[in-house]
């Protein structure tokens, strides 16, 4: 199962949660309190060395960091990632 490391007040995390929901993908939400430094613990930094959220852990343990990369990974091959080059650029504008 996918695992999303997030801080619920994060707009970038919200984008990832929204797309996961729109795609109907099951995932486990792991909320980190960034104000208390929970994204800077050795355990989390081993998963995501930049210490930022959101971060998406795939089933094989690979972690994708940064909301834009997560959104691209999830959207590719779906209706949320258009085939038209200009339309893709417009999507990237909002990522």
PDB file of N, CA and C in Angstrom:
ATOM      1  N   UNK A   1       0.840  -1.182   0.000  1.00  0.00           N
ATOM      2  CA  UNK A   1       0.000   0.000   0.000  1.00  0.00           C
ATOM      3  C   UNK A   1       0.884   1.244   0.000  1.00  0.00           C
ATOM      4  N   UNK A   2       0.432   2.269  -0.690  1.00  0.00           N
ATOM      5  CA  UNK A   2       1.135   3.543  -0.684  1.00  0.00           C
ATOM      6  C   UNK A   2       1.075   4.151   0.712  1.00  0.00           C
ATOM      7  N   UNK A   3       2.102   4.926   1.034  1.00  0.00           N
ATOM      8  CA  UNK A   3       2.140   5.603   2.329  1.00  0.00           C
ATOM      9  C   UNK A   3       2.523   7.062   2.062  1.00  0.00           C
ATOM     10  N   UNK A   4       1.663   7.984   2.481  1.00  0.00           N
ATOM     11  CA  UNK A   4       1.917   9.407   2.282  1.00  0.00           C
ATOM     12  C   UNK A   4       2.313  10.043   3.605  1.00  0.00           C
ATOM     13  N   UNK A   5       3.524  10.581   3.645  1.00  0.00           N
ATOM     14  CA  UNK A   5       3.996  11.335   4.800  1.00  0.00           C
ATOM     15  C   UNK A   5       3.612  12.789   4.561  1.00  0.00           C
ATOM     16  N   UNK A   6       2.900  13.363   5.519  1.00  0.00           N
ATOM     17  CA  UNK A   6       2.288  14.657   5.260  1.00  0.00           C
ATOM     18  C   UNK A   6       2.098  15.436   6.553  1.00  0.00           C
ATOM     19  N   UNK A   7       1.854  16.708   6.390  1.00  0.00           N
ATOM     20  CA  UNK A   7       1.438  17.611   7.465  1.00  0.00           C
ATOM     21  C   UNK A   7       0.117  18.190   6.986  1.00  0.00           C
ATOM     22  N   UNK A   8      -0.956  17.973   7.715  1.00  0.00           N
ATOM     23  CA  UNK A   8      -2.295  18.260   7.204  1.00  0.00           C
ATOM     24  C   UNK A   8      -2.529  19.725   6.863  1.00  0.00           C
ATOM     25  N   UNK A   9      -1.773  20.645   7.419  1.00  0.00           N
ATOM     26  CA  UNK A   9      -1.920  22.058   7.069  1.00  0.00           C
ATOM     27  C   UNK A   9      -1.161  22.432   5.799  1.00  0.00           C
ATOM     28  N   UNK A  10      -0.449  21.501   5.217  1.00  0.00           N
ATOM     29  CA  UNK A  10       0.376  21.770   4.044  1.00  0.00           C
ATOM     30  C   UNK A  10      -0.464  21.802   2.768  1.00  0.00           C
ATOM     31  N   UNK A  11      -0.373  22.903   2.031  1.00  0.00           N
ATOM     32  CA  UNK A  11      -1.042  22.979   0.735  1.00  0.00           C
ATOM     33  C   UNK A  11      -0.480  21.976  -0.249  1.00  0.00           C
ATOM     34  N   UNK A  12       0.831  21.758  -0.204  1.00  0.00           N
ATOM     35  CA  UNK A  12       1.438  20.781  -1.105  1.00  0.00           C
ATOM     36  C   UNK A  12       0.991  19.368  -0.763  1.00  0.00           C
ATOM     37  N   UNK A  13       0.872  19.086   0.515  1.00  0.00           N
ATOM     38  CA  UNK A  13       0.355  17.784   0.923  1.00  0.00           C
ATOM     39  C   UNK A  13      -1.091  17.604   0.509  1.00  0.00           C
ATOM     40  N   UNK A  14      -1.860  18.683   0.597  1.00  0.00           N
ATOM     41  CA  UNK A  14      -3.266  18.618   0.184  1.00  0.00           C
ATOM     42  C   UNK A  14      -3.382  18.220  -1.280  1.00  0.00           C
ATOM     43  N   UNK A  15      -2.512  18.772  -2.133  1.00  0.00           N
ATOM     44  CA  UNK A  15      -2.552  18.426  -3.557  1.00  0.00           C
ATOM     45  C   UNK A  15      -2.341  16.928  -3.750  1.00  0.00           C
ATOM     46  N   UNK A  16      -1.395  16.361  -3.031  1.00  0.00           N
ATOM     47  CA  UNK A  16      -1.132  14.922  -3.152  1.00  0.00           C
ATOM     48  C   UNK A  16      -2.317  14.110  -2.643  1.00  0.00           C
ATOM     49  N   UNK A  17      -2.879  14.504  -1.505  1.00  0.00           N
ATOM     50  CA  UNK A  17      -4.047  13.790  -0.963  1.00  0.00           C
ATOM     51  C   UNK A  17      -5.233  13.885  -1.912  1.00  0.00           C
ATOM     52  N   UNK A  18      -5.422  15.051  -2.512  1.00  0.00           N
ATOM     53  CA  UNK A  18      -6.539  15.246  -3.436  1.00  0.00           C
ATOM     54  C   UNK A  18      -6.409  14.334  -4.649  1.00  0.00           C
ATOM     55  N   UNK A  19      -5.224  14.273  -5.253  1.00  0.00           N
ATOM     56  CA  UNK A  19      -5.061  13.420  -6.432  1.00  0.00           C
ATOM     57  C   UNK A  19      -5.170  11.945  -6.061  1.00  0.00           C
ATOM     58  N   UNK A  20      -4.617  11.545  -4.951  1.00  0.00           N
ATOM     59  CA  UNK A  20      -4.782  10.155  -4.504  1.00  0.00           C
ATOM     60  C   UNK A  20      -6.263   9.819  -4.378  1.00  0.00           C
ATOM     61  N   UNK A  21      -7.030  10.740  -3.832  1.00  0.00           N
ATOM     62  CA  UNK A  21      -8.468  10.534  -3.671  1.00  0.00           C
ATOM     63  C   UNK A  21      -9.174  10.490  -5.021  1.00  0.00           C
ATOM     64  N   UNK A  22      -8.865  11.440  -5.900  1.00  0.00           N
ATOM     65  CA  UNK A  22      -9.488  11.482  -7.231  1.00  0.00           C
ATOM     66  C   UNK A  22      -9.208  10.209  -8.021  1.00  0.00           C
ATOM     67  N   UNK A  23      -8.025   9.640  -7.822  1.00  0.00           N
ATOM     68  CA  UNK A  23      -7.651   8.412  -8.528  1.00  0.00           C
ATOM     69  C   UNK A  23      -8.182   7.163  -7.833  1.00  0.00           C
ATOM     70  N   UNK A  24      -8.745   7.328  -6.649  1.00  0.00           N
ATOM     71  CA  UNK A  24      -9.288   6.183  -5.914  1.00  0.00           C
ATOM     72  C   UNK A  24      -8.223   5.236  -5.403  1.00  0.00           C
ATOM     73  N   UNK A  25      -7.032   5.769  -5.138  1.00  0.00           N
ATOM     74  CA  UNK A  25      -5.923   4.929  -4.674  1.00  0.00           C
ATOM     75  C   UNK A  25      -5.930   4.823  -3.152  1.00  0.00           C
ATOM     76  N   UNK A  26      -5.786   3.623  -2.674  1.00  0.00           N
ATOM     77  CA  UNK A  26      -5.693   3.408  -1.228  1.00  0.00           C
ATOM     78  C   UNK A  26      -4.297   3.813  -0.770  1.00  0.00           C
ATOM     79  N   UNK A  27      -4.245   4.482   0.372  1.00  0.00           N
ATOM     80  CA  UNK A  27      -2.951   4.866   0.928  1.00  0.00           C
ATOM     81  C   UNK A  27      -3.081   5.037   2.432  1.00  0.00           C
ATOM     82  N   UNK A  28      -1.950   4.894   3.081  1.00  0.00           N
ATOM     83  CA  UNK A  28      -1.875   5.148   4.518  1.00  0.00           C
ATOM     84  C   UNK A  28      -1.333   6.554   4.710  1.00  0.00           C
ATOM     85  N   UNK A  29      -2.001   7.343   5.506  1.00  0.00           N
ATOM     86  CA  UNK A  29      -1.544   8.693   5.809  1.00  0.00           C
ATOM     87  C   UNK A  29      -0.723   8.665   7.095  1.00  0.00           C
ATOM     88  N   UNK A  30       0.503   9.152   6.998  1.00  0.00           N
ATOM     89  CA  UNK A  30       1.365   9.278   8.169  1.00  0.00           C
ATOM     90  C   UNK A  30       1.570  10.773   8.389  1.00  0.00           C
ATOM     91  N   UNK A  31       0.901  11.299   9.407  1.00  0.00           N
ATOM     92  CA  UNK A  31       0.995  12.729   9.668  1.00  0.00           C
ATOM     93  C   UNK A  31       2.230  13.036  10.502  1.00  0.00           C
ATOM     94  N   UNK A  32       3.031  13.972  10.000  1.00  0.00           N
ATOM     95  CA  UNK A  32       4.214  14.438  10.709  1.00  0.00           C
ATOM     96  C   UNK A  32       3.978  15.880  11.128  1.00  0.00           C
ATOM     97  N   UNK A  33       4.355  16.212  12.335  1.00  0.00           N
ATOM     98  CA  UNK A  33       4.242  17.589  12.803  1.00  0.00           C
ATOM     99  C   UNK A  33       5.559  18.293  12.491  1.00  0.00           C
ATOM    100  N   UNK A  34       5.561  19.038  11.397  1.00  0.00           N
ATOM    101  CA  UNK A  34       6.802  19.699  10.988  1.00  0.00           C
ATOM    102  C   UNK A  34       7.199  20.799  11.972  1.00  0.00           C
ATOM    103  N   UNK A  35       6.229  21.336  12.691  1.00  0.00           N
ATOM    104  CA  UNK A  35       6.540  22.379  13.670  1.00  0.00           C
ATOM    105  C   UNK A  35       7.294  21.819  14.869  1.00  0.00           C
ATOM    106  N   UNK A  36       7.159  20.527  15.097  1.00  0.00           N
ATOM    107  CA  UNK A  36       7.893  19.859  16.184  1.00  0.00           C
ATOM    108  C   UNK A  36       9.133  19.129  15.675  1.00  0.00           C
ATOM    109  N   UNK A  37       9.445  19.315  14.398  1.00  0.00           N
ATOM    110  CA  UNK A  37      10.650  18.717  13.839  1.00  0.00           C
ATOM    111  C   UNK A  37      10.528  17.254  13.456  1.00  0.00           C
ATOM    112  N   UNK A  38       9.309  16.740  13.339  1.00  0.00           N
ATOM    113  CA  UNK A  38       9.142  15.317  13.040  1.00  0.00           C
ATOM    114  C   UNK A  38       9.603  14.937  11.633  1.00  0.00           C
ATOM    115  N   UNK A  39       9.771  15.922  10.754  1.00  0.00           N
ATOM    116  CA  UNK A  39      10.300  15.622   9.422  1.00  0.00           C
ATOM    117  C   UNK A  39      11.827  15.683   9.399  1.00  0.00           C
ATOM    118  N   UNK A  40      12.423  15.927  10.547  1.00  0.00           N
ATOM    119  CA  UNK A  40      13.887  16.009  10.655  1.00  0.00           C
ATOM    120  C   UNK A  40      14.478  14.896  11.512  1.00  0.00           C
ATOM    121  N   UNK A  41      13.671  13.894  11.818  1.00  0.00           N
ATOM    122  CA  UNK A  41      14.171  12.780  12.621  1.00  0.00           C
ATOM    123  C   UNK A  41      15.053  11.884  11.760  1.00  0.00           C
ATOM    124  N   UNK A  42      15.987  11.165  12.362  1.00  0.00           N
ATOM    125  CA  UNK A  42      16.819  10.244  11.582  1.00  0.00           C
ATOM    126  C   UNK A  42      15.985   9.234  10.786  1.00  0.00           C
ATOM    127  N   UNK A  43      14.887   8.756  11.365  1.00  0.00           N
ATOM    128  CA  UNK A  43      14.041   7.782  10.670  1.00  0.00           C
ATOM    129  C   UNK A  43      13.448   8.375   9.395  1.00  0.00           C
ATOM    130  N   UNK A  44      12.893   9.579   9.479  1.00  0.00           N
ATOM    131  CA  UNK A  44      12.303  10.183   8.288  1.00  0.00           C
ATOM    132  C   UNK A  44      13.376  10.611   7.294  1.00  0.00           C
ATOM    133  N   UNK A  45      14.488  11.150   7.779  1.00  0.00           N
ATOM    134  CA  UNK A  45      15.563  11.564   6.874  1.00  0.00           C
ATOM    135  C   UNK A  45      16.160  10.377   6.123  1.00  0.00           C
ATOM    136  N   UNK A  46      16.084   9.187   6.692  1.00  0.00           N
ATOM    137  CA  UNK A  46      16.541   7.988   5.975  1.00  0.00           C
ATOM    138  C   UNK A  46      15.619   7.700   4.787  1.00  0.00           C
ATOM    139  N   UNK A  47      14.361   8.058   4.910  1.00  0.00           N
ATOM    140  CA  UNK A  47      13.402   7.870   3.819  1.00  0.00           C
ATOM    141  C   UNK A  47      13.484   9.010   2.812  1.00  0.00           C
ATOM    142  N   UNK A  48      13.631  10.231   3.323  1.00  0.00           N
ATOM    143  CA  UNK A  48      13.622  11.426   2.493  1.00  0.00           C
ATOM    144  C   UNK A  48      14.687  12.394   3.012  1.00  0.00           C
ATOM    145  N   UNK A  49      15.883  12.334   2.446  1.00  0.00           N
ATOM    146  CA  UNK A  49      16.999  13.125   2.965  1.00  0.00           C
ATOM    147  C   UNK A  49      16.780  14.639   2.963  1.00  0.00           C
ATOM    148  N   UNK A  50      15.860  15.146   2.132  1.00  0.00           N
ATOM    149  CA  UNK A  50      15.650  16.592   2.170  1.00  0.00           C
ATOM    150  C   UNK A  50      14.747  17.013   3.329  1.00  0.00           C
ATOM    151  N   UNK A  51      14.141  16.048   4.016  1.00  0.00           N
ATOM    152  CA  UNK A  51      13.367  16.333   5.216  1.00  0.00           C
ATOM    153  C   UNK A  51      12.108  17.137   4.986  1.00  0.00           C
ATOM    154  N   UNK A  52      11.589  17.095   3.779  1.00  0.00           N
ATOM    155  CA  UNK A  52      10.393  17.872   3.464  1.00  0.00           C
ATOM    156  C   UNK A  52       9.204  16.953   3.231  1.00  0.00           C
ATOM    157  N   UNK A  53       8.040  17.528   3.419  1.00  0.00           N
ATOM    158  CA  UNK A  53       6.810  16.797   3.134  1.00  0.00           C
ATOM    159  C   UNK A  53       6.061  17.551   2.043  1.00  0.00           C
ATOM    160  N   UNK A  54       5.253  16.894   1.262  1.00  0.00           N
ATOM    161  CA  UNK A  54       4.902  15.488   1.362  1.00  0.00           C
ATOM    162  C   UNK A  54       5.983  14.590   0.772  1.00  0.00           C
ATOM    163  N   UNK A  55       5.905  13.341   1.151  1.00  0.00           N
ATOM    164  CA  UNK A  55       6.740  12.294   0.578  1.00  0.00           C
ATOM    165  C   UNK A  55       5.853  11.063   0.430  1.00  0.00           C
ATOM    166  N   UNK A  56       5.966  10.406  -0.706  1.00  0.00           N
ATOM    167  CA  UNK A  56       5.139   9.239  -0.993  1.00  0.00           C
ATOM    168  C   UNK A  56       6.014   8.001  -1.054  1.00  0.00           C
ATOM    169  N   UNK A  57       5.758   7.043  -0.165  1.00  0.00           N
ATOM    170  CA  UNK A  57       6.479   5.767  -0.177  1.00  0.00           C
ATOM    171  C   UNK A  57       5.672   4.773  -1.005  1.00  0.00           C
ATOM    172  N   UNK A  58       6.330   4.196  -1.996  1.00  0.00           N
ATOM    173  CA  UNK A  58       5.695   3.195  -2.850  1.00  0.00           C
ATOM    174  C   UNK A  58       5.734   1.835  -2.175  1.00  0.00           C
ATOM    175  N   UNK A  59       5.037   0.880  -2.763  1.00  0.00           N
ATOM    176  CA  UNK A  59       4.960  -0.465  -2.184  1.00  0.00           C
ATOM    177  C   UNK A  59       6.327  -1.113  -2.030  1.00  0.00           C
ATOM    178  N   UNK A  60       7.263  -0.778  -2.935  1.00  0.00           N
ATOM    179  CA  UNK A  60       8.595  -1.389  -2.870  1.00  0.00           C
ATOM    180  C   UNK A  60       9.551  -0.637  -1.942  1.00  0.00           C
ATOM    181  N   UNK A  61       9.050   0.412  -1.273  1.00  0.00           N
ATOM    182  CA  UNK A  61       9.877   1.176  -0.350  1.00  0.00           C
ATOM    183  C   UNK A  61      10.511   2.417  -0.946  1.00  0.00           C
ATOM    184  N   UNK A  62      10.471   2.554  -2.266  1.00  0.00           N
ATOM    185  CA  UNK A  62      10.984   3.755  -2.908  1.00  0.00           C
ATOM    186  C   UNK A  62      10.177   4.958  -2.439  1.00  0.00           C
ATOM    187  N   UNK A  63      10.861   6.066  -2.177  1.00  0.00           N
ATOM    188  CA  UNK A  63      10.178   7.270  -1.713  1.00  0.00           C
ATOM    189  C   UNK A  63      10.324   8.369  -2.760  1.00  0.00           C
ATOM    190  N   UNK A  64       9.197   8.973  -3.108  1.00  0.00           N
ATOM    191  CA  UNK A  64       9.172  10.119  -4.013  1.00  0.00           C
ATOM    192  C   UNK A  64       8.914  11.352  -3.158  1.00  0.00           C
ATOM    193  N   UNK A  65       9.814  12.320  -3.234  1.00  0.00           N
ATOM    194  CA  UNK A  65       9.686  13.544  -2.452  1.00  0.00           C
ATOM    195  C   UNK A  65       9.236  14.691  -3.352  1.00  0.00           C
ATOM    196  N   UNK A  66       8.646  15.693  -2.732  1.00  0.00           N
ATOM    197  CA  UNK A  66       8.181  16.921  -3.371  1.00  0.00           C
ATOM    198  C   UNK A  66       6.855  16.694  -4.092  1.00  0.00           C
ATOM    199  N   UNK A  67       5.934  17.612  -3.875  1.00  0.00           N
ATOM    200  CA  UNK A  67       4.575  17.441  -4.390  1.00  0.00           C
ATOM    201  C   UNK A  67       4.523  17.360  -5.909  1.00  0.00           C
ATOM    202  N   UNK A  68       5.308  18.170  -6.616  1.00  0.00           N
ATOM    203  CA  UNK A  68       5.283  18.128  -8.076  1.00  0.00           C
ATOM    204  C   UNK A  68       5.669  16.764  -8.617  1.00  0.00           C
ATOM    205  N   UNK A  69       6.707  16.175  -8.055  1.00  0.00           N
ATOM    206  CA  UNK A  69       7.144  14.845  -8.489  1.00  0.00           C
ATOM    207  C   UNK A  69       6.096  13.792  -8.152  1.00  0.00           C
ATOM    208  N   UNK A  70       5.484  13.913  -6.986  1.00  0.00           N
ATOM    209  CA  UNK A  70       4.433  12.969  -6.584  1.00  0.00           C
ATOM    210  C   UNK A  70       3.249  13.075  -7.531  1.00  0.00           C
ATOM    211  N   UNK A  71       2.817  14.307  -7.816  1.00  0.00           N
ATOM    212  CA  UNK A  71       1.672  14.504  -8.703  1.00  0.00           C
ATOM    213  C   UNK A  71       1.955  13.962 -10.094  1.00  0.00           C
ATOM    214  N   UNK A  72       3.144  14.216 -10.618  1.00  0.00           N
ATOM    215  CA  UNK A  72       3.503  13.696 -11.938  1.00  0.00           C
ATOM    216  C   UNK A  72       3.468  12.170 -11.931  1.00  0.00           C
ATOM    217  N   UNK A  73       4.074  11.565 -10.928  1.00  0.00           N
ATOM    218  CA  UNK A  73       4.116  10.105 -10.837  1.00  0.00           C
ATOM    219  C   UNK A  73       2.706   9.520 -10.807  1.00  0.00           C
ATOM    220  N   UNK A  74       1.837  10.101  -9.995  1.00  0.00           N
ATOM    221  CA  UNK A  74       0.481   9.576  -9.864  1.00  0.00           C
ATOM    222  C   UNK A  74      -0.366   9.842 -11.106  1.00  0.00           C
ATOM    223  N   UNK A  75      -0.191  10.997 -11.729  1.00  0.00           N
ATOM    224  CA  UNK A  75      -1.065  11.410 -12.832  1.00  0.00           C
ATOM    225  C   UNK A  75      -0.714  10.774 -14.166  1.00  0.00           C
ATOM    226  N   UNK A  76       0.553  10.434 -14.380  1.00  0.00           N
ATOM    227  CA  UNK A  76       0.958   9.898 -15.677  1.00  0.00           C
ATOM    228  C   UNK A  76       0.125   8.665 -16.025  1.00  0.00           C
ATOM    229  N   UNK A  77      -0.412   8.673 -17.243  1.00  0.00           N
ATOM    230  CA  UNK A  77      -1.223   7.555 -17.706  1.00  0.00           C
ATOM    231  C   UNK A  77      -2.687   7.655 -17.302  1.00  0.00           C
ATOM    232  N   UNK A  78      -3.067   8.767 -16.669  1.00  0.00           N
ATOM    233  CA  UNK A  78      -4.460   8.977 -16.279  1.00  0.00           C
ATOM    234  C   UNK A  78      -4.991  10.213 -16.999  1.00  0.00           C
ATOM    235  N   UNK A  79      -6.257  10.488 -16.798  1.00  0.00           N
ATOM    236  CA  UNK A  79      -6.848  11.669 -17.433  1.00  0.00           C
ATOM    237  C   UNK A  79      -6.308  12.970 -16.843  1.00  0.00           C
ATOM    238  N   UNK A  80      -5.588  12.884 -15.745  1.00  0.00           N
ATOM    239  CA  UNK A  80      -5.026  14.076 -15.124  1.00  0.00           C
ATOM    240  C   UNK A  80      -3.675  14.473 -15.717  1.00  0.00           C
ATOM    241  N   UNK A  81      -3.164  13.688 -16.645  1.00  0.00           N
ATOM    242  CA  UNK A  81      -1.912  14.018 -17.335  1.00  0.00           C
ATOM    243  C   UNK A  81      -2.192  13.973 -18.831  1.00  0.00           C
ATOM    244  N   UNK A  82      -2.466  15.134 -19.442  1.00  0.00           N
ATOM    245  CA  UNK A  82      -2.879  15.167 -20.845  1.00  0.00           C
ATOM    246  C   UNK A  82      -1.775  14.743 -21.808  1.00  0.00           C
ATOM    247  N   UNK A  83      -2.188  14.297 -22.981  1.00  0.00           N
ATOM    248  CA  UNK A  83      -1.232  13.920 -24.026  1.00  0.00           C
ATOM    249  C   UNK A  83      -0.710  15.135 -24.780  1.00  0.00           C
ATOM    250  N   UNK A  84      -1.518  16.169 -24.882  1.00  0.00           N
ATOM    251  CA  UNK A  84      -1.138  17.379 -25.606  1.00  0.00           C
ATOM    252  C   UNK A  84      -0.034  18.137 -24.864  1.00  0.00           C
ATOM    253  N   UNK A  85       0.995  18.536 -25.589  1.00  0.00           N
ATOM    254  CA  UNK A  85       2.163  19.181 -24.988  1.00  0.00           C
ATOM    255  C   UNK A  85       1.810  20.489 -24.282  1.00  0.00           C
ATOM    256  N   UNK A  86       1.001  21.340 -24.920  1.00  0.00           N
ATOM    257  CA  UNK A  86       0.614  22.596 -24.295  1.00  0.00           C
ATOM    258  C   UNK A  86      -0.226  22.339 -23.044  1.00  0.00           C
ATOM    259  N   UNK A  87      -1.128  21.392 -23.124  1.00  0.00           N
ATOM    260  CA  UNK A  87      -1.957  21.056 -21.958  1.00  0.00           C
ATOM    261  C   UNK A  87      -1.093  20.548 -20.805  1.00  0.00           C
ATOM    262  N   UNK A  88      -0.060  19.754 -21.110  1.00  0.00           N
ATOM    263  CA  UNK A  88       0.859  19.286 -20.053  1.00  0.00           C
ATOM    264  C   UNK A  88       1.583  20.463 -19.408  1.00  0.00           C
ATOM    265  N   UNK A  89       2.010  21.417 -20.238  1.00  0.00           N
ATOM    266  CA  UNK A  89       2.684  22.602 -19.700  1.00  0.00           C
ATOM    267  C   UNK A  89       1.747  23.377 -18.780  1.00  0.00           C
ATOM    268  N   UNK A  90       0.481  23.439 -19.146  1.00  0.00           N
ATOM    269  CA  UNK A  90      -0.489  24.137 -18.304  1.00  0.00           C
ATOM    270  C   UNK A  90      -0.711  23.394 -16.984  1.00  0.00           C
ATOM    271  N   UNK A  91      -0.701  22.074 -17.032  1.00  0.00           N
ATOM    272  CA  UNK A  91      -0.800  21.294 -15.791  1.00  0.00           C
ATOM    273  C   UNK A  91       0.427  21.561 -14.917  1.00  0.00           C
ATOM    274  N   UNK A  92       1.611  21.547 -15.516  1.00  0.00           N
ATOM    275  CA  UNK A  92       2.836  21.796 -14.754  1.00  0.00           C
ATOM    276  C   UNK A  92       2.825  23.174 -14.100  1.00  0.00           C
ATOM    277  N   UNK A  93       2.199  24.120 -14.755  1.00  0.00           N
ATOM    278  CA  UNK A  93       2.101  25.472 -14.200  1.00  0.00           C
ATOM    279  C   UNK A  93       1.452  25.452 -12.816  1.00  0.00           C
ATOM    280  N   UNK A  94       0.509  24.561 -12.606  1.00  0.00           N
ATOM    281  CA  UNK A  94      -0.218  24.499 -11.340  1.00  0.00           C
ATOM    282  C   UNK A  94       0.380  23.508 -10.349  1.00  0.00           C
ATOM    283  N   UNK A  95       1.362  22.746 -10.769  1.00  0.00           N
ATOM    284  CA  UNK A  95       1.961  21.769  -9.866  1.00  0.00           C
ATOM    285  C   UNK A  95       2.970  22.459  -8.977  1.00  0.00           C
TER     286      UNK A  95
END
